[in-house]
């Protein structure tokens, strides 16, 4: 999923979030990449306690609209 920067200056000014499965842990990570440096190191990596199935999809809405 692409998340635009707070005040974007270009079409790719923001972040890409993706789930990555780690077979050694048997669980997934949520990885955040800078869209303008897609092949660089992740901006952040959050270790999740479970495996997120490949192909998982859903909607992202603000908490007050849920």
PDB file of N, CA and C in Angstrom:
ATOM      1  N   UNK A   1       0.840  -1.155   0.000  1.00  0.00           N
ATOM      2  CA  UNK A   1       0.000   0.000   0.000  1.00  0.00           C
ATOM      3  C   UNK A   1       0.891   1.225   0.000  1.00  0.00           C
ATOM      4  N   UNK A   2       0.511   2.240  -0.797  1.00  0.00           N
ATOM      5  CA  UNK A   2       1.245   3.502  -0.848  1.00  0.00           C
ATOM      6  C   UNK A   2       0.584   4.505   0.089  1.00  0.00           C
ATOM      7  N   UNK A   3       1.402   5.202   0.863  1.00  0.00           N
ATOM      8  CA  UNK A   3       0.926   6.256   1.761  1.00  0.00           C
ATOM      9  C   UNK A   3       1.696   7.524   1.400  1.00  0.00           C
ATOM     10  N   UNK A   4       0.977   8.542   0.950  1.00  0.00           N
ATOM     11  CA  UNK A   4       1.619   9.789   0.552  1.00  0.00           C
ATOM     12  C   UNK A   4       2.213  10.498   1.770  1.00  0.00           C
ATOM     13  N   UNK A   5       3.293  11.252   1.539  1.00  0.00           N
ATOM     14  CA  UNK A   5       3.885  12.068   2.595  1.00  0.00           C
ATOM     15  C   UNK A   5       2.885  13.152   3.003  1.00  0.00           C
ATOM     16  N   UNK A   6       3.100  13.748   4.159  1.00  0.00           N
ATOM     17  CA  UNK A   6       2.182  14.771   4.672  1.00  0.00           C
ATOM     18  C   UNK A   6       2.036  15.936   3.699  1.00  0.00           C
ATOM     19  N   UNK A   7       3.114  16.376   3.091  1.00  0.00           N
ATOM     20  CA  UNK A   7       3.096  17.467   2.096  1.00  0.00           C
ATOM     21  C   UNK A   7       3.907  17.004   0.889  1.00  0.00           C
ATOM     22  N   UNK A   8       3.325  16.128   0.056  1.00  0.00           N
ATOM     23  CA  UNK A   8       4.096  15.549  -1.047  1.00  0.00           C
ATOM     24  C   UNK A   8       4.527  16.604  -2.074  1.00  0.00           C
ATOM     25  N   UNK A   9       5.739  16.420  -2.607  1.00  0.00           N
ATOM     26  CA  UNK A   9       6.261  17.307  -3.648  1.00  0.00           C
ATOM     27  C   UNK A   9       6.400  16.594  -4.989  1.00  0.00           C
ATOM     28  N   UNK A  10       6.157  15.293  -5.005  1.00  0.00           N
ATOM     29  CA  UNK A  10       6.226  14.488  -6.227  1.00  0.00           C
ATOM     30  C   UNK A  10       5.249  13.326  -6.099  1.00  0.00           C
ATOM     31  N   UNK A  11       4.953  12.700  -7.230  1.00  0.00           N
ATOM     32  CA  UNK A  11       3.989  11.592  -7.242  1.00  0.00           C
ATOM     33  C   UNK A  11       4.429  10.434  -6.345  1.00  0.00           C
ATOM     34  N   UNK A  12       5.730  10.215  -6.239  1.00  0.00           N
ATOM     35  CA  UNK A  12       6.239   9.101  -5.438  1.00  0.00           C
ATOM     36  C   UNK A  12       6.782   9.558  -4.081  1.00  0.00           C
ATOM     37  N   UNK A  13       6.363  10.700  -3.604  1.00  0.00           N
ATOM     38  CA  UNK A  13       6.808  11.211  -2.310  1.00  0.00           C
ATOM     39  C   UNK A  13       5.935  10.606  -1.212  1.00  0.00           C
ATOM     40  N   UNK A  14       6.430   9.538  -0.635  1.00  0.00           N
ATOM     41  CA  UNK A  14       5.676   8.839   0.402  1.00  0.00           C
ATOM     42  C   UNK A  14       6.319   7.509   0.722  1.00  0.00           C
ATOM     43  N   UNK A  15       5.493   6.580   1.158  1.00  0.00           N
ATOM     44  CA  UNK A  15       5.983   5.298   1.668  1.00  0.00           C
ATOM     45  C   UNK A  15       5.173   4.138   1.104  1.00  0.00           C
ATOM     46  N   UNK A  16       5.828   2.997   0.978  1.00  0.00           N
ATOM     47  CA  UNK A  16       5.175   1.761   0.567  1.00  0.00           C
ATOM     48  C   UNK A  16       5.218   0.813   1.757  1.00  0.00           C
ATOM     49  N   UNK A  17       4.059   0.283   2.129  1.00  0.00           N
ATOM     50  CA  UNK A  17       3.978  -0.681   3.231  1.00  0.00           C
ATOM     51  C   UNK A  17       3.651  -2.054   2.648  1.00  0.00           C
ATOM     52  N   UNK A  18       4.352  -3.073   3.119  1.00  0.00           N
ATOM     53  CA  UNK A  18       4.118  -4.429   2.628  1.00  0.00           C
ATOM     54  C   UNK A  18       4.402  -5.438   3.729  1.00  0.00           C
ATOM     55  N   UNK A  19       3.709  -6.565   3.671  1.00  0.00           N
ATOM     56  CA  UNK A  19       3.990  -7.675   4.572  1.00  0.00           C
ATOM     57  C   UNK A  19       5.048  -8.561   3.931  1.00  0.00           C
ATOM     58  N   UNK A  20       6.015  -9.004   4.731  1.00  0.00           N
ATOM     59  CA  UNK A  20       7.076  -9.893   4.256  1.00  0.00           C
ATOM     60  C   UNK A  20       7.131 -11.077   5.209  1.00  0.00           C
ATOM     61  N   UNK A  21       7.049 -12.282   4.655  1.00  0.00           N
ATOM     62  CA  UNK A  21       7.096 -13.493   5.482  1.00  0.00           C
ATOM     63  C   UNK A  21       8.542 -13.838   5.801  1.00  0.00           C
ATOM     64  N   UNK A  22       8.824 -14.132   7.051  1.00  0.00           N
ATOM     65  CA  UNK A  22      10.149 -14.555   7.513  1.00  0.00           C
ATOM     66  C   UNK A  22      10.053 -16.024   7.896  1.00  0.00           C
ATOM     67  N   UNK A  23      10.505 -16.927   7.018  1.00  0.00           N
ATOM     68  CA  UNK A  23      10.357 -18.357   7.294  1.00  0.00           C
ATOM     69  C   UNK A  23      11.145 -18.830   8.519  1.00  0.00           C
ATOM     70  N   UNK A  24      12.237 -18.151   8.871  1.00  0.00           N
ATOM     71  CA  UNK A  24      13.008 -18.557  10.049  1.00  0.00           C
ATOM     72  C   UNK A  24      12.212 -18.339  11.333  1.00  0.00           C
ATOM     73  N   UNK A  25      11.416 -17.271  11.396  1.00  0.00           N
ATOM     74  CA  UNK A  25      10.588 -17.010  12.572  1.00  0.00           C
ATOM     75  C   UNK A  25       9.207 -17.641  12.443  1.00  0.00           C
ATOM     76  N   UNK A  26       8.799 -17.982  11.217  1.00  0.00           N
ATOM     77  CA  UNK A  26       7.458 -18.509  10.998  1.00  0.00           C
ATOM     78  C   UNK A  26       6.405 -17.426  11.190  1.00  0.00           C
ATOM     79  N   UNK A  27       6.796 -16.166  10.984  1.00  0.00           N
ATOM     80  CA  UNK A  27       5.896 -15.030  11.176  1.00  0.00           C
ATOM     81  C   UNK A  27       6.227 -13.969  10.131  1.00  0.00           C
ATOM     82  N   UNK A  28       5.416 -12.926  10.085  1.00  0.00           N
ATOM     83  CA  UNK A  28       5.586 -11.870   9.096  1.00  0.00           C
ATOM     84  C   UNK A  28       6.104 -10.586   9.725  1.00  0.00           C
ATOM     85  N   UNK A  29       6.622  -9.720   8.876  1.00  0.00           N
ATOM     86  CA  UNK A  29       7.023  -8.371   9.262  1.00  0.00           C
ATOM     87  C   UNK A  29       6.206  -7.389   8.425  1.00  0.00           C
ATOM     88  N   UNK A  30       5.890  -6.249   8.989  1.00  0.00           N
ATOM     89  CA  UNK A  30       5.352  -5.138   8.222  1.00  0.00           C
ATOM     90  C   UNK A  30       6.554  -4.262   7.912  1.00  0.00           C
ATOM     91  N   UNK A  31       6.851  -4.099   6.623  1.00  0.00           N
ATOM     92  CA  UNK A  31       8.017  -3.351   6.185  1.00  0.00           C
ATOM     93  C   UNK A  31       7.551  -2.048   5.553  1.00  0.00           C
ATOM     94  N   UNK A  32       8.204  -0.940   5.925  1.00  0.00           N
ATOM     95  CA  UNK A  32       7.884   0.374   5.362  1.00  0.00           C
ATOM     96  C   UNK A  32       9.105   0.857   4.601  1.00  0.00           C
ATOM     97  N   UNK A  33       8.897   1.145   3.306  1.00  0.00           N
ATOM     98  CA  UNK A  33       9.961   1.593   2.422  1.00  0.00           C
ATOM     99  C   UNK A  33       9.697   3.017   1.959  1.00  0.00           C
ATOM    100  N   UNK A  34      10.747   3.800   1.767  1.00  0.00           N
ATOM    101  CA  UNK A  34      10.601   5.115   1.148  1.00  0.00           C
ATOM    102  C   UNK A  34      10.356   4.872  -0.340  1.00  0.00           C
ATOM    103  N   UNK A  35       9.269   5.375  -0.872  1.00  0.00           N
ATOM    104  CA  UNK A  35       8.915   5.119  -2.269  1.00  0.00           C
ATOM    105  C   UNK A  35       9.962   5.673  -3.229  1.00  0.00           C
ATOM    106  N   UNK A  36      10.630   6.755  -2.877  1.00  0.00           N
ATOM    107  CA  UNK A  36      11.645   7.339  -3.745  1.00  0.00           C
ATOM    108  C   UNK A  36      12.978   6.601  -3.656  1.00  0.00           C
ATOM    109  N   UNK A  37      13.114   5.663  -2.734  1.00  0.00           N
ATOM    110  CA  UNK A  37      14.329   4.853  -2.582  1.00  0.00           C
ATOM    111  C   UNK A  37      13.899   3.405  -2.355  1.00  0.00           C
ATOM    112  N   UNK A  38      13.142   2.877  -3.291  1.00  0.00           N
ATOM    113  CA  UNK A  38      12.492   1.579  -3.140  1.00  0.00           C
ATOM    114  C   UNK A  38      13.463   0.433  -2.893  1.00  0.00           C
ATOM    115  N   UNK A  39      14.668   0.510  -3.423  1.00  0.00           N
ATOM    116  CA  UNK A  39      15.634  -0.575  -3.238  1.00  0.00           C
ATOM    117  C   UNK A  39      16.526  -0.363  -2.014  1.00  0.00           C
ATOM    118  N   UNK A  40      16.351   0.745  -1.298  1.00  0.00           N
ATOM    119  CA  UNK A  40      17.153   1.010  -0.107  1.00  0.00           C
ATOM    120  C   UNK A  40      16.671   0.214   1.093  1.00  0.00           C
ATOM    121  N   UNK A  41      17.331   0.414   2.201  1.00  0.00           N
ATOM    122  CA  UNK A  41      16.941  -0.244   3.445  1.00  0.00           C
ATOM    123  C   UNK A  41      15.566   0.251   3.893  1.00  0.00           C
ATOM    124  N   UNK A  42      14.799  -0.592   4.565  1.00  0.00           N
ATOM    125  CA  UNK A  42      13.484  -0.153   5.060  1.00  0.00           C
ATOM    126  C   UNK A  42      13.606   1.011   6.042  1.00  0.00           C
ATOM    127  N   UNK A  43      12.632   1.890   5.986  1.00  0.00           N
ATOM    128  CA  UNK A  43      12.528   2.979   6.953  1.00  0.00           C
ATOM    129  C   UNK A  43      12.188   2.382   8.320  1.00  0.00           C
ATOM    130  N   UNK A  44      11.341   1.360   8.303  1.00  0.00           N
ATOM    131  CA  UNK A  44      10.942   0.679   9.542  1.00  0.00           C
ATOM    132  C   UNK A  44      10.570  -0.763   9.222  1.00  0.00           C
ATOM    133  N   UNK A  45      10.719  -1.621  10.226  1.00  0.00           N
ATOM    134  CA  UNK A  45      10.323  -3.034  10.111  1.00  0.00           C
ATOM    135  C   UNK A  45       9.715  -3.424  11.452  1.00  0.00           C
ATOM    136  N   UNK A  46       8.467  -3.860  11.407  1.00  0.00           N
ATOM    137  CA  UNK A  46       7.783  -4.282  12.631  1.00  0.00           C
ATOM    138  C   UNK A  46       7.569  -5.784  12.590  1.00  0.00           C
ATOM    139  N   UNK A  47       8.089  -6.475  13.581  1.00  0.00           N
ATOM    140  CA  UNK A  47       7.931  -7.919  13.672  1.00  0.00           C
ATOM    141  C   UNK A  47       6.532  -8.221  14.219  1.00  0.00           C
ATOM    142  N   UNK A  48       5.762  -8.949  13.446  1.00  0.00           N
ATOM    143  CA  UNK A  48       4.425  -9.353  13.879  1.00  0.00           C
ATOM    144  C   UNK A  48       4.516 -10.721  14.554  1.00  0.00           C
ATOM    145  N   UNK A  49       3.626 -11.016  15.481  1.00  0.00           N
ATOM    146  CA  UNK A  49       3.716 -12.280  16.207  1.00  0.00           C
ATOM    147  C   UNK A  49       3.170 -13.493  15.434  1.00  0.00           C
ATOM    148  N   UNK A  50       2.580 -13.254  14.265  1.00  0.00           N
ATOM    149  CA  UNK A  50       1.965 -14.334  13.485  1.00  0.00           C
ATOM    150  C   UNK A  50       2.305 -14.178  12.013  1.00  0.00           C
ATOM    151  N   UNK A  51       1.984 -15.193  11.230  1.00  0.00           N
ATOM    152  CA  UNK A  51       2.147 -15.155   9.774  1.00  0.00           C
ATOM    153  C   UNK A  51       0.932 -14.485   9.161  1.00  0.00           C
ATOM    154  N   UNK A  52       1.155 -13.505   8.301  1.00  0.00           N
ATOM    155  CA  UNK A  52       0.070 -12.886   7.545  1.00  0.00           C
ATOM    156  C   UNK A  52       0.009 -13.623   6.205  1.00  0.00           C
ATOM    157  N   UNK A  53      -1.142 -14.210   5.861  1.00  0.00           N
ATOM    158  CA  UNK A  53      -1.229 -14.981   4.620  1.00  0.00           C
ATOM    159  C   UNK A  53      -0.936 -14.123   3.389  1.00  0.00           C
ATOM    160  N   UNK A  54      -0.194 -14.695   2.431  1.00  0.00           N
ATOM    161  CA  UNK A  54       0.057 -13.999   1.177  1.00  0.00           C
ATOM    162  C   UNK A  54      -1.284 -13.731   0.487  1.00  0.00           C
ATOM    163  N   UNK A  55      -1.422 -12.578  -0.097  1.00  0.00           N
ATOM    164  CA  UNK A  55      -2.663 -12.223  -0.780  1.00  0.00           C
ATOM    165  C   UNK A  55      -3.685 -11.571   0.128  1.00  0.00           C
ATOM    166  N   UNK A  56      -3.349 -11.379   1.412  1.00  0.00           N
ATOM    167  CA  UNK A  56      -4.285 -10.709   2.316  1.00  0.00           C
ATOM    168  C   UNK A  56      -4.586  -9.321   1.785  1.00  0.00           C
ATOM    169  N   UNK A  57      -5.824  -8.927   1.821  1.00  0.00           N
ATOM    170  CA  UNK A  57      -6.196  -7.581   1.400  1.00  0.00           C
ATOM    171  C   UNK A  57      -7.304  -7.072   2.291  1.00  0.00           C
ATOM    172  N   UNK A  58      -7.490  -5.775   2.277  1.00  0.00           N
ATOM    173  CA  UNK A  58      -8.520  -5.172   3.116  1.00  0.00           C
ATOM    174  C   UNK A  58      -8.591  -3.684   2.850  1.00  0.00           C
ATOM    175  N   UNK A  59      -9.265  -2.974   3.701  1.00  0.00           N
ATOM    176  CA  UNK A  59      -9.417  -1.529   3.559  1.00  0.00           C
ATOM    177  C   UNK A  59      -8.750  -0.822   4.720  1.00  0.00           C
ATOM    178  N   UNK A  60      -8.206   0.338   4.454  1.00  0.00           N
ATOM    179  CA  UNK A  60      -7.580   1.159   5.465  1.00  0.00           C
ATOM    180  C   UNK A  60      -8.441   2.407   5.619  1.00  0.00           C
ATOM    181  N   UNK A  61      -8.991   2.614   6.782  1.00  0.00           N
ATOM    182  CA  UNK A  61      -9.827   3.783   7.038  1.00  0.00           C
ATOM    183  C   UNK A  61      -9.399   4.406   8.375  1.00  0.00           C
ATOM    184  N   UNK A  62      -9.579   5.728   8.503  1.00  0.00           N
ATOM    185  CA  UNK A  62      -9.268   6.344   9.800  1.00  0.00           C
ATOM    186  C   UNK A  62     -10.088   5.726  10.924  1.00  0.00           C
ATOM    187  N   UNK A  63      -9.543   5.694  12.122  1.00  0.00           N
ATOM    188  CA  UNK A  63     -10.212   5.067  13.263  1.00  0.00           C
ATOM    189  C   UNK A  63     -11.579   5.631  13.572  1.00  0.00           C
ATOM    190  N   UNK A  64     -11.808   6.912  13.307  1.00  0.00           N
ATOM    191  CA  UNK A  64     -13.105   7.500  13.617  1.00  0.00           C
ATOM    192  C   UNK A  64     -14.164   7.207  12.571  1.00  0.00           C
ATOM    193  N   UNK A  65     -13.781   6.509  11.486  1.00  0.00           N
ATOM    194  CA  UNK A  65     -14.758   6.157  10.448  1.00  0.00           C
ATOM    195  C   UNK A  65     -15.093   4.677  10.445  1.00  0.00           C
ATOM    196  N   UNK A  66     -14.500   3.930  11.381  1.00  0.00           N
ATOM    197  CA  UNK A  66     -14.664   2.483  11.414  1.00  0.00           C
ATOM    198  C   UNK A  66     -15.992   2.110  11.910  1.00  0.00           C
TER     199      UNK A  66
END
